[in-house]
Amino acid sequence: METVLSPPRESSRSAPDPPAPATPAELPMIGVGIDTSRYGHYAAFLDAALQPAADELKFAESAKGYEQLRDRLGLILKRRGPVHLSIRIDAAETADTQQASFHGLRARAARAQKLA
C-alpha cells in the first residue's frame, strides 16, 4: 500500500497560494514495514538509502499502540516534511485492523489537502 503523508496546511486569507502539491514520485520515499503478531507488532521505518527514518517501534494491538504508530509517522513528517509512504504489512490476524488504520490516515491527509 502506498500513500502520501503531508502536514495539514493552515488557511490564511492574506497568505499567497501554496505551490501545487508534489506528486508521489517527487517526494522522498519512506518504507514502513510492519510485522504483526498476536502478542504485539513491530514496525521499521527506512528511507530510500535504507537508513532508519525513525526508531523502530514495538506496539500493542490497542488504541494506545496505534496512537504510538501514528505518533511515529507524525515524527517522520515533522522531520522530513511531506513524504511518500510505501507500507508493507506482514499479514497476520490483525492486518485488517492495520490496513483500516492506514486507509483512515490516507483519507485524513486527502481532506487536509482539500481544505488548504
N, C-alpha and C. Protein backbone atom coordinates (compact mmCIF):
# COMPACT_ATOMS: atom_id res chain seq x y z
N MET A 1 0.84 -1.15 0.00
CA MET A 1 0.00 0.00 0.00
C MET A 1 0.90 1.23 0.00
N GLU A 2 0.53 2.24 -0.76
CA GLU A 2 1.33 3.46 -0.80
C GLU A 2 0.41 4.65 -0.60
N THR A 3 0.92 5.66 0.07
CA THR A 3 0.17 6.89 0.31
C THR A 3 1.13 8.04 0.50
N VAL A 4 0.62 9.25 0.33
CA VAL A 4 1.40 10.46 0.57
C VAL A 4 0.97 11.02 1.90
N LEU A 5 1.93 11.34 2.75
CA LEU A 5 1.66 11.90 4.06
C LEU A 5 2.16 13.32 4.08
N SER A 6 1.24 14.28 4.25
CA SER A 6 1.58 15.70 4.27
C SER A 6 0.99 16.34 5.50
N PRO A 7 1.66 17.37 6.05
CA PRO A 7 1.07 18.06 7.19
C PRO A 7 -0.12 18.88 6.73
N PRO A 8 -1.13 19.03 7.60
CA PRO A 8 -2.26 19.88 7.21
C PRO A 8 -1.79 21.33 7.09
N ARG A 9 -2.33 22.03 6.11
CA ARG A 9 -1.95 23.43 5.91
C ARG A 9 -2.96 24.33 6.59
N GLU A 10 -2.45 25.36 7.23
CA GLU A 10 -3.33 26.35 7.84
C GLU A 10 -3.76 27.32 6.76
N SER A 11 -5.04 27.68 6.77
CA SER A 11 -5.51 28.62 5.77
C SER A 11 -5.40 30.04 6.31
N SER A 12 -5.04 30.93 5.42
CA SER A 12 -4.93 32.34 5.76
C SER A 12 -5.32 33.13 4.53
N ARG A 13 -6.20 34.07 4.69
CA ARG A 13 -6.68 34.85 3.53
C ARG A 13 -5.59 35.73 2.96
N SER A 14 -4.63 36.17 3.80
CA SER A 14 -3.60 37.06 3.30
C SER A 14 -2.38 36.33 2.75
N ALA A 15 -2.28 35.05 2.99
CA ALA A 15 -1.13 34.28 2.53
C ALA A 15 -1.27 33.98 1.04
N PRO A 16 -0.16 33.97 0.30
CA PRO A 16 -0.24 33.61 -1.12
C PRO A 16 -0.62 32.14 -1.28
N ASP A 17 -1.11 31.81 -2.45
CA ASP A 17 -1.47 30.43 -2.72
C ASP A 17 -0.24 29.55 -2.59
N PRO A 18 -0.38 28.39 -1.92
CA PRO A 18 0.76 27.49 -1.80
C PRO A 18 1.06 26.83 -3.14
N PRO A 19 2.29 26.36 -3.32
CA PRO A 19 2.60 25.67 -4.57
C PRO A 19 1.76 24.39 -4.68
N ALA A 20 1.61 23.94 -5.89
CA ALA A 20 0.85 22.70 -6.12
C ALA A 20 1.50 21.56 -5.36
N PRO A 21 0.69 20.65 -4.80
CA PRO A 21 1.27 19.53 -4.06
C PRO A 21 2.14 18.67 -4.98
N ALA A 22 3.20 18.14 -4.40
CA ALA A 22 4.10 17.28 -5.16
C ALA A 22 3.42 15.95 -5.46
N THR A 23 3.81 15.35 -6.56
CA THR A 23 3.32 14.01 -6.87
C THR A 23 4.14 13.02 -6.05
N PRO A 24 3.61 11.81 -5.83
CA PRO A 24 4.37 10.83 -5.05
C PRO A 24 5.78 10.60 -5.58
N ALA A 25 5.96 10.64 -6.89
CA ALA A 25 7.29 10.39 -7.47
C ALA A 25 8.28 11.50 -7.10
N GLU A 26 7.79 12.69 -6.78
CA GLU A 26 8.66 13.82 -6.44
C GLU A 26 9.01 13.87 -4.96
N LEU A 27 8.32 13.10 -4.14
CA LEU A 27 8.52 13.14 -2.70
C LEU A 27 9.53 12.09 -2.25
N PRO A 28 10.20 12.35 -1.12
CA PRO A 28 11.10 11.33 -0.59
C PRO A 28 10.30 10.09 -0.17
N MET A 29 10.84 8.93 -0.48
CA MET A 29 10.18 7.66 -0.16
C MET A 29 10.60 7.21 1.24
N ILE A 30 9.62 6.79 2.01
CA ILE A 30 9.86 6.16 3.31
C ILE A 30 9.16 4.81 3.28
N GLY A 31 9.92 3.77 3.52
CA GLY A 31 9.35 2.43 3.60
C GLY A 31 8.98 2.12 5.04
N VAL A 32 7.78 1.61 5.23
CA VAL A 32 7.29 1.23 6.55
C VAL A 32 6.98 -0.26 6.50
N GLY A 33 7.73 -1.04 7.25
CA GLY A 33 7.49 -2.47 7.33
C GLY A 33 6.89 -2.80 8.68
N ILE A 34 5.77 -3.52 8.67
CA ILE A 34 5.09 -3.87 9.92
C ILE A 34 4.95 -5.38 10.00
N ASP A 35 5.48 -5.94 11.06
CA ASP A 35 5.35 -7.37 11.33
C ASP A 35 4.31 -7.50 12.43
N THR A 36 3.25 -8.25 12.16
CA THR A 36 2.17 -8.37 13.13
C THR A 36 2.22 -9.73 13.81
N SER A 37 1.77 -9.73 15.04
CA SER A 37 1.60 -10.99 15.76
C SER A 37 0.51 -10.81 16.80
N ARG A 38 0.07 -11.89 17.35
CA ARG A 38 -0.99 -11.84 18.35
C ARG A 38 -0.56 -11.08 19.60
N TYR A 39 0.72 -11.12 19.92
CA TYR A 39 1.19 -10.56 21.18
C TYR A 39 1.85 -9.19 21.05
N GLY A 40 1.82 -8.61 19.88
CA GLY A 40 2.39 -7.28 19.68
C GLY A 40 2.92 -7.16 18.27
N HIS A 41 3.13 -5.95 17.86
CA HIS A 41 3.57 -5.67 16.50
C HIS A 41 4.92 -4.95 16.53
N TYR A 42 5.56 -4.93 15.38
CA TYR A 42 6.88 -4.32 15.24
C TYR A 42 6.90 -3.56 13.92
N ALA A 43 7.35 -2.32 13.97
CA ALA A 43 7.42 -1.50 12.75
C ALA A 43 8.83 -0.95 12.58
N ALA A 44 9.29 -0.95 11.34
CA ALA A 44 10.58 -0.35 10.98
C ALA A 44 10.32 0.69 9.89
N PHE A 45 11.12 1.76 9.90
CA PHE A 45 10.94 2.89 9.00
C PHE A 45 12.27 3.19 8.33
N LEU A 46 12.34 3.00 7.01
CA LEU A 46 13.59 3.21 6.27
C LEU A 46 13.40 4.22 5.16
N ASP A 47 14.45 5.02 4.93
CA ASP A 47 14.41 5.96 3.80
C ASP A 47 14.90 5.25 2.54
N ALA A 48 15.00 5.99 1.45
CA ALA A 48 15.37 5.40 0.16
C ALA A 48 16.78 4.83 0.16
N ALA A 49 17.65 5.33 1.05
CA ALA A 49 19.01 4.82 1.16
C ALA A 49 19.09 3.65 2.16
N LEU A 50 17.94 3.14 2.56
CA LEU A 50 17.82 2.04 3.53
C LEU A 50 18.42 2.39 4.89
N GLN A 51 18.36 3.67 5.22
CA GLN A 51 18.79 4.15 6.53
C GLN A 51 17.54 4.40 7.38
N PRO A 52 17.66 4.24 8.71
CA PRO A 52 16.48 4.47 9.55
C PRO A 52 15.91 5.89 9.39
N ALA A 53 14.62 5.97 9.13
CA ALA A 53 13.93 7.27 9.06
C ALA A 53 13.40 7.65 10.43
N ALA A 54 13.28 6.66 11.30
CA ALA A 54 12.85 6.84 12.69
C ALA A 54 13.23 5.58 13.45
N ASP A 55 13.19 5.66 14.76
CA ASP A 55 13.47 4.48 15.57
C ASP A 55 12.42 3.40 15.33
N GLU A 56 12.84 2.17 15.44
CA GLU A 56 11.92 1.05 15.31
C GLU A 56 10.89 1.14 16.45
N LEU A 57 9.75 0.51 16.25
CA LEU A 57 8.66 0.62 17.22
C LEU A 57 8.03 -0.74 17.48
N LYS A 58 7.94 -1.10 18.75
CA LYS A 58 7.13 -2.24 19.16
C LYS A 58 5.85 -1.65 19.73
N PHE A 59 4.69 -2.15 19.25
CA PHE A 59 3.44 -1.60 19.74
C PHE A 59 2.38 -2.69 19.86
N ALA A 60 1.43 -2.43 20.73
CA ALA A 60 0.38 -3.40 21.02
C ALA A 60 -0.81 -3.23 20.08
N GLU A 61 -1.61 -4.26 19.97
CA GLU A 61 -2.87 -4.22 19.21
C GLU A 61 -3.91 -3.56 20.11
N SER A 62 -3.83 -2.24 20.17
CA SER A 62 -4.73 -1.46 21.03
C SER A 62 -4.77 -0.03 20.50
N ALA A 63 -5.71 0.73 21.03
CA ALA A 63 -5.80 2.15 20.63
C ALA A 63 -4.50 2.86 20.98
N LYS A 64 -3.94 2.58 22.14
CA LYS A 64 -2.68 3.21 22.53
C LYS A 64 -1.55 2.80 21.59
N GLY A 65 -1.53 1.54 21.19
CA GLY A 65 -0.50 1.06 20.27
C GLY A 65 -0.57 1.76 18.92
N TYR A 66 -1.78 1.90 18.37
CA TYR A 66 -1.92 2.59 17.09
C TYR A 66 -1.65 4.08 17.22
N GLU A 67 -1.92 4.64 18.38
CA GLU A 67 -1.56 6.04 18.63
C GLU A 67 -0.04 6.20 18.58
N GLN A 68 0.69 5.23 19.15
CA GLN A 68 2.15 5.27 19.08
C GLN A 68 2.63 5.21 17.63
N LEU A 69 1.99 4.37 16.82
CA LEU A 69 2.36 4.28 15.41
C LEU A 69 2.08 5.60 14.69
N ARG A 70 0.90 6.18 14.92
CA ARG A 70 0.59 7.49 14.32
C ARG A 70 1.58 8.55 14.76
N ASP A 71 1.95 8.53 16.04
CA ASP A 71 2.93 9.50 16.54
C ASP A 71 4.28 9.34 15.85
N ARG A 72 4.69 8.09 15.63
CA ARG A 72 5.98 7.85 14.96
C ARG A 72 5.93 8.34 13.52
N LEU A 73 4.82 8.11 12.83
CA LEU A 73 4.66 8.64 11.47
C LEU A 73 4.64 10.17 11.49
N GLY A 74 4.00 10.75 12.50
CA GLY A 74 3.98 12.20 12.64
C GLY A 74 5.37 12.77 12.87
N LEU A 75 6.20 12.05 13.61
CA LEU A 75 7.59 12.47 13.84
C LEU A 75 8.36 12.49 12.52
N ILE A 76 8.16 11.48 11.70
CA ILE A 76 8.82 11.45 10.38
C ILE A 76 8.36 12.65 9.56
N LEU A 77 7.08 12.92 9.57
CA LEU A 77 6.52 14.05 8.84
C LEU A 77 7.10 15.37 9.34
N LYS A 78 7.22 15.51 10.65
CA LYS A 78 7.76 16.73 11.23
C LYS A 78 9.23 16.93 10.83
N ARG A 79 9.99 15.85 10.82
CA ARG A 79 11.41 15.93 10.50
C ARG A 79 11.67 16.13 9.00
N ARG A 80 10.85 15.48 8.16
CA ARG A 80 11.16 15.42 6.73
C ARG A 80 10.18 16.16 5.83
N GLY A 81 9.07 16.61 6.35
CA GLY A 81 8.05 17.24 5.52
C GLY A 81 7.25 16.17 4.79
N PRO A 82 6.50 16.55 3.75
CA PRO A 82 5.68 15.57 3.02
C PRO A 82 6.54 14.42 2.49
N VAL A 83 6.03 13.21 2.64
CA VAL A 83 6.75 12.02 2.19
C VAL A 83 5.79 11.08 1.48
N HIS A 84 6.36 10.19 0.68
CA HIS A 84 5.62 9.12 0.03
C HIS A 84 5.87 7.86 0.85
N LEU A 85 4.82 7.33 1.46
CA LEU A 85 4.95 6.13 2.27
C LEU A 85 4.69 4.89 1.43
N SER A 86 5.57 3.92 1.54
CA SER A 86 5.35 2.61 0.97
C SER A 86 5.24 1.66 2.16
N ILE A 87 4.05 1.13 2.39
CA ILE A 87 3.75 0.36 3.60
C ILE A 87 3.61 -1.11 3.25
N ARG A 88 4.35 -1.94 3.96
CA ARG A 88 4.27 -3.40 3.77
C ARG A 88 3.89 -4.01 5.10
N ILE A 89 2.78 -4.70 5.12
CA ILE A 89 2.30 -5.35 6.34
C ILE A 89 2.45 -6.85 6.17
N ASP A 90 3.21 -7.46 7.08
CA ASP A 90 3.32 -8.91 7.10
C ASP A 90 2.02 -9.41 7.72
N ALA A 91 1.13 -9.90 6.88
CA ALA A 91 -0.23 -10.20 7.29
C ALA A 91 -0.31 -11.28 8.35
N ALA A 92 -1.08 -10.96 9.34
CA ALA A 92 -1.47 -11.90 10.39
C ALA A 92 -2.94 -11.61 10.66
N GLU A 93 -3.46 -12.12 11.72
CA GLU A 93 -4.88 -11.93 12.02
C GLU A 93 -5.26 -10.46 12.14
N THR A 94 -4.33 -9.60 12.54
CA THR A 94 -4.64 -8.20 12.81
C THR A 94 -4.34 -7.28 11.63
N ALA A 95 -3.93 -7.81 10.51
CA ALA A 95 -3.56 -6.96 9.37
C ALA A 95 -4.74 -6.13 8.89
N ASP A 96 -5.96 -6.66 8.95
CA ASP A 96 -7.13 -5.89 8.52
C ASP A 96 -7.29 -4.62 9.34
N THR A 97 -7.06 -4.72 10.64
CA THR A 97 -7.15 -3.55 11.52
C THR A 97 -6.12 -2.51 11.13
N GLN A 98 -4.89 -2.96 10.85
CA GLN A 98 -3.83 -2.02 10.47
C GLN A 98 -4.13 -1.37 9.13
N GLN A 99 -4.60 -2.13 8.17
CA GLN A 99 -4.91 -1.55 6.87
C GLN A 99 -6.04 -0.52 7.01
N ALA A 100 -7.02 -0.80 7.83
CA ALA A 100 -8.09 0.17 8.06
C ALA A 100 -7.53 1.44 8.67
N SER A 101 -6.58 1.30 9.58
CA SER A 101 -5.96 2.47 10.21
C SER A 101 -5.24 3.31 9.16
N PHE A 102 -4.47 2.68 8.25
CA PHE A 102 -3.74 3.41 7.23
C PHE A 102 -4.69 4.04 6.21
N HIS A 103 -5.79 3.36 5.89
CA HIS A 103 -6.76 3.97 4.97
C HIS A 103 -7.37 5.21 5.60
N GLY A 104 -7.61 5.17 6.91
CA GLY A 104 -8.10 6.35 7.62
C GLY A 104 -7.09 7.47 7.59
N LEU A 105 -5.81 7.15 7.72
CA LEU A 105 -4.74 8.14 7.66
C LEU A 105 -4.71 8.78 6.28
N ARG A 106 -4.84 7.97 5.24
CA ARG A 106 -4.84 8.48 3.86
C ARG A 106 -6.02 9.43 3.65
N ALA A 107 -7.19 9.05 4.17
CA ALA A 107 -8.38 9.89 4.00
C ALA A 107 -8.20 11.22 4.72
N ARG A 108 -7.63 11.21 5.93
CA ARG A 108 -7.41 12.46 6.67
C ARG A 108 -6.43 13.36 5.92
N ALA A 109 -5.38 12.77 5.35
CA ALA A 109 -4.40 13.57 4.59
C ALA A 109 -5.05 14.20 3.36
N ALA A 110 -5.91 13.44 2.68
CA ALA A 110 -6.58 13.97 1.49
C ALA A 110 -7.53 15.12 1.87
N ARG A 111 -8.26 14.96 2.98
CA ARG A 111 -9.16 16.03 3.43
C ARG A 111 -8.37 17.27 3.80
N ALA A 112 -7.23 17.10 4.45
CA ALA A 112 -6.40 18.25 4.85
C ALA A 112 -5.91 19.01 3.62
N GLN A 113 -5.55 18.28 2.57
CA GLN A 113 -5.07 18.94 1.34
C GLN A 113 -6.21 19.68 0.65
N LYS A 114 -7.44 19.14 0.69
CA LYS A 114 -8.57 19.81 0.05
C LYS A 114 -8.94 21.08 0.79
N LEU A 115 -8.76 21.08 2.12
CA LEU A 115 -9.12 22.25 2.91
C LEU A 115 -8.12 23.39 2.75
N ALA A 116 -6.92 23.05 2.31
CA ALA A 116 -5.88 24.08 2.20
C ALA A 116 -6.08 24.95 0.99
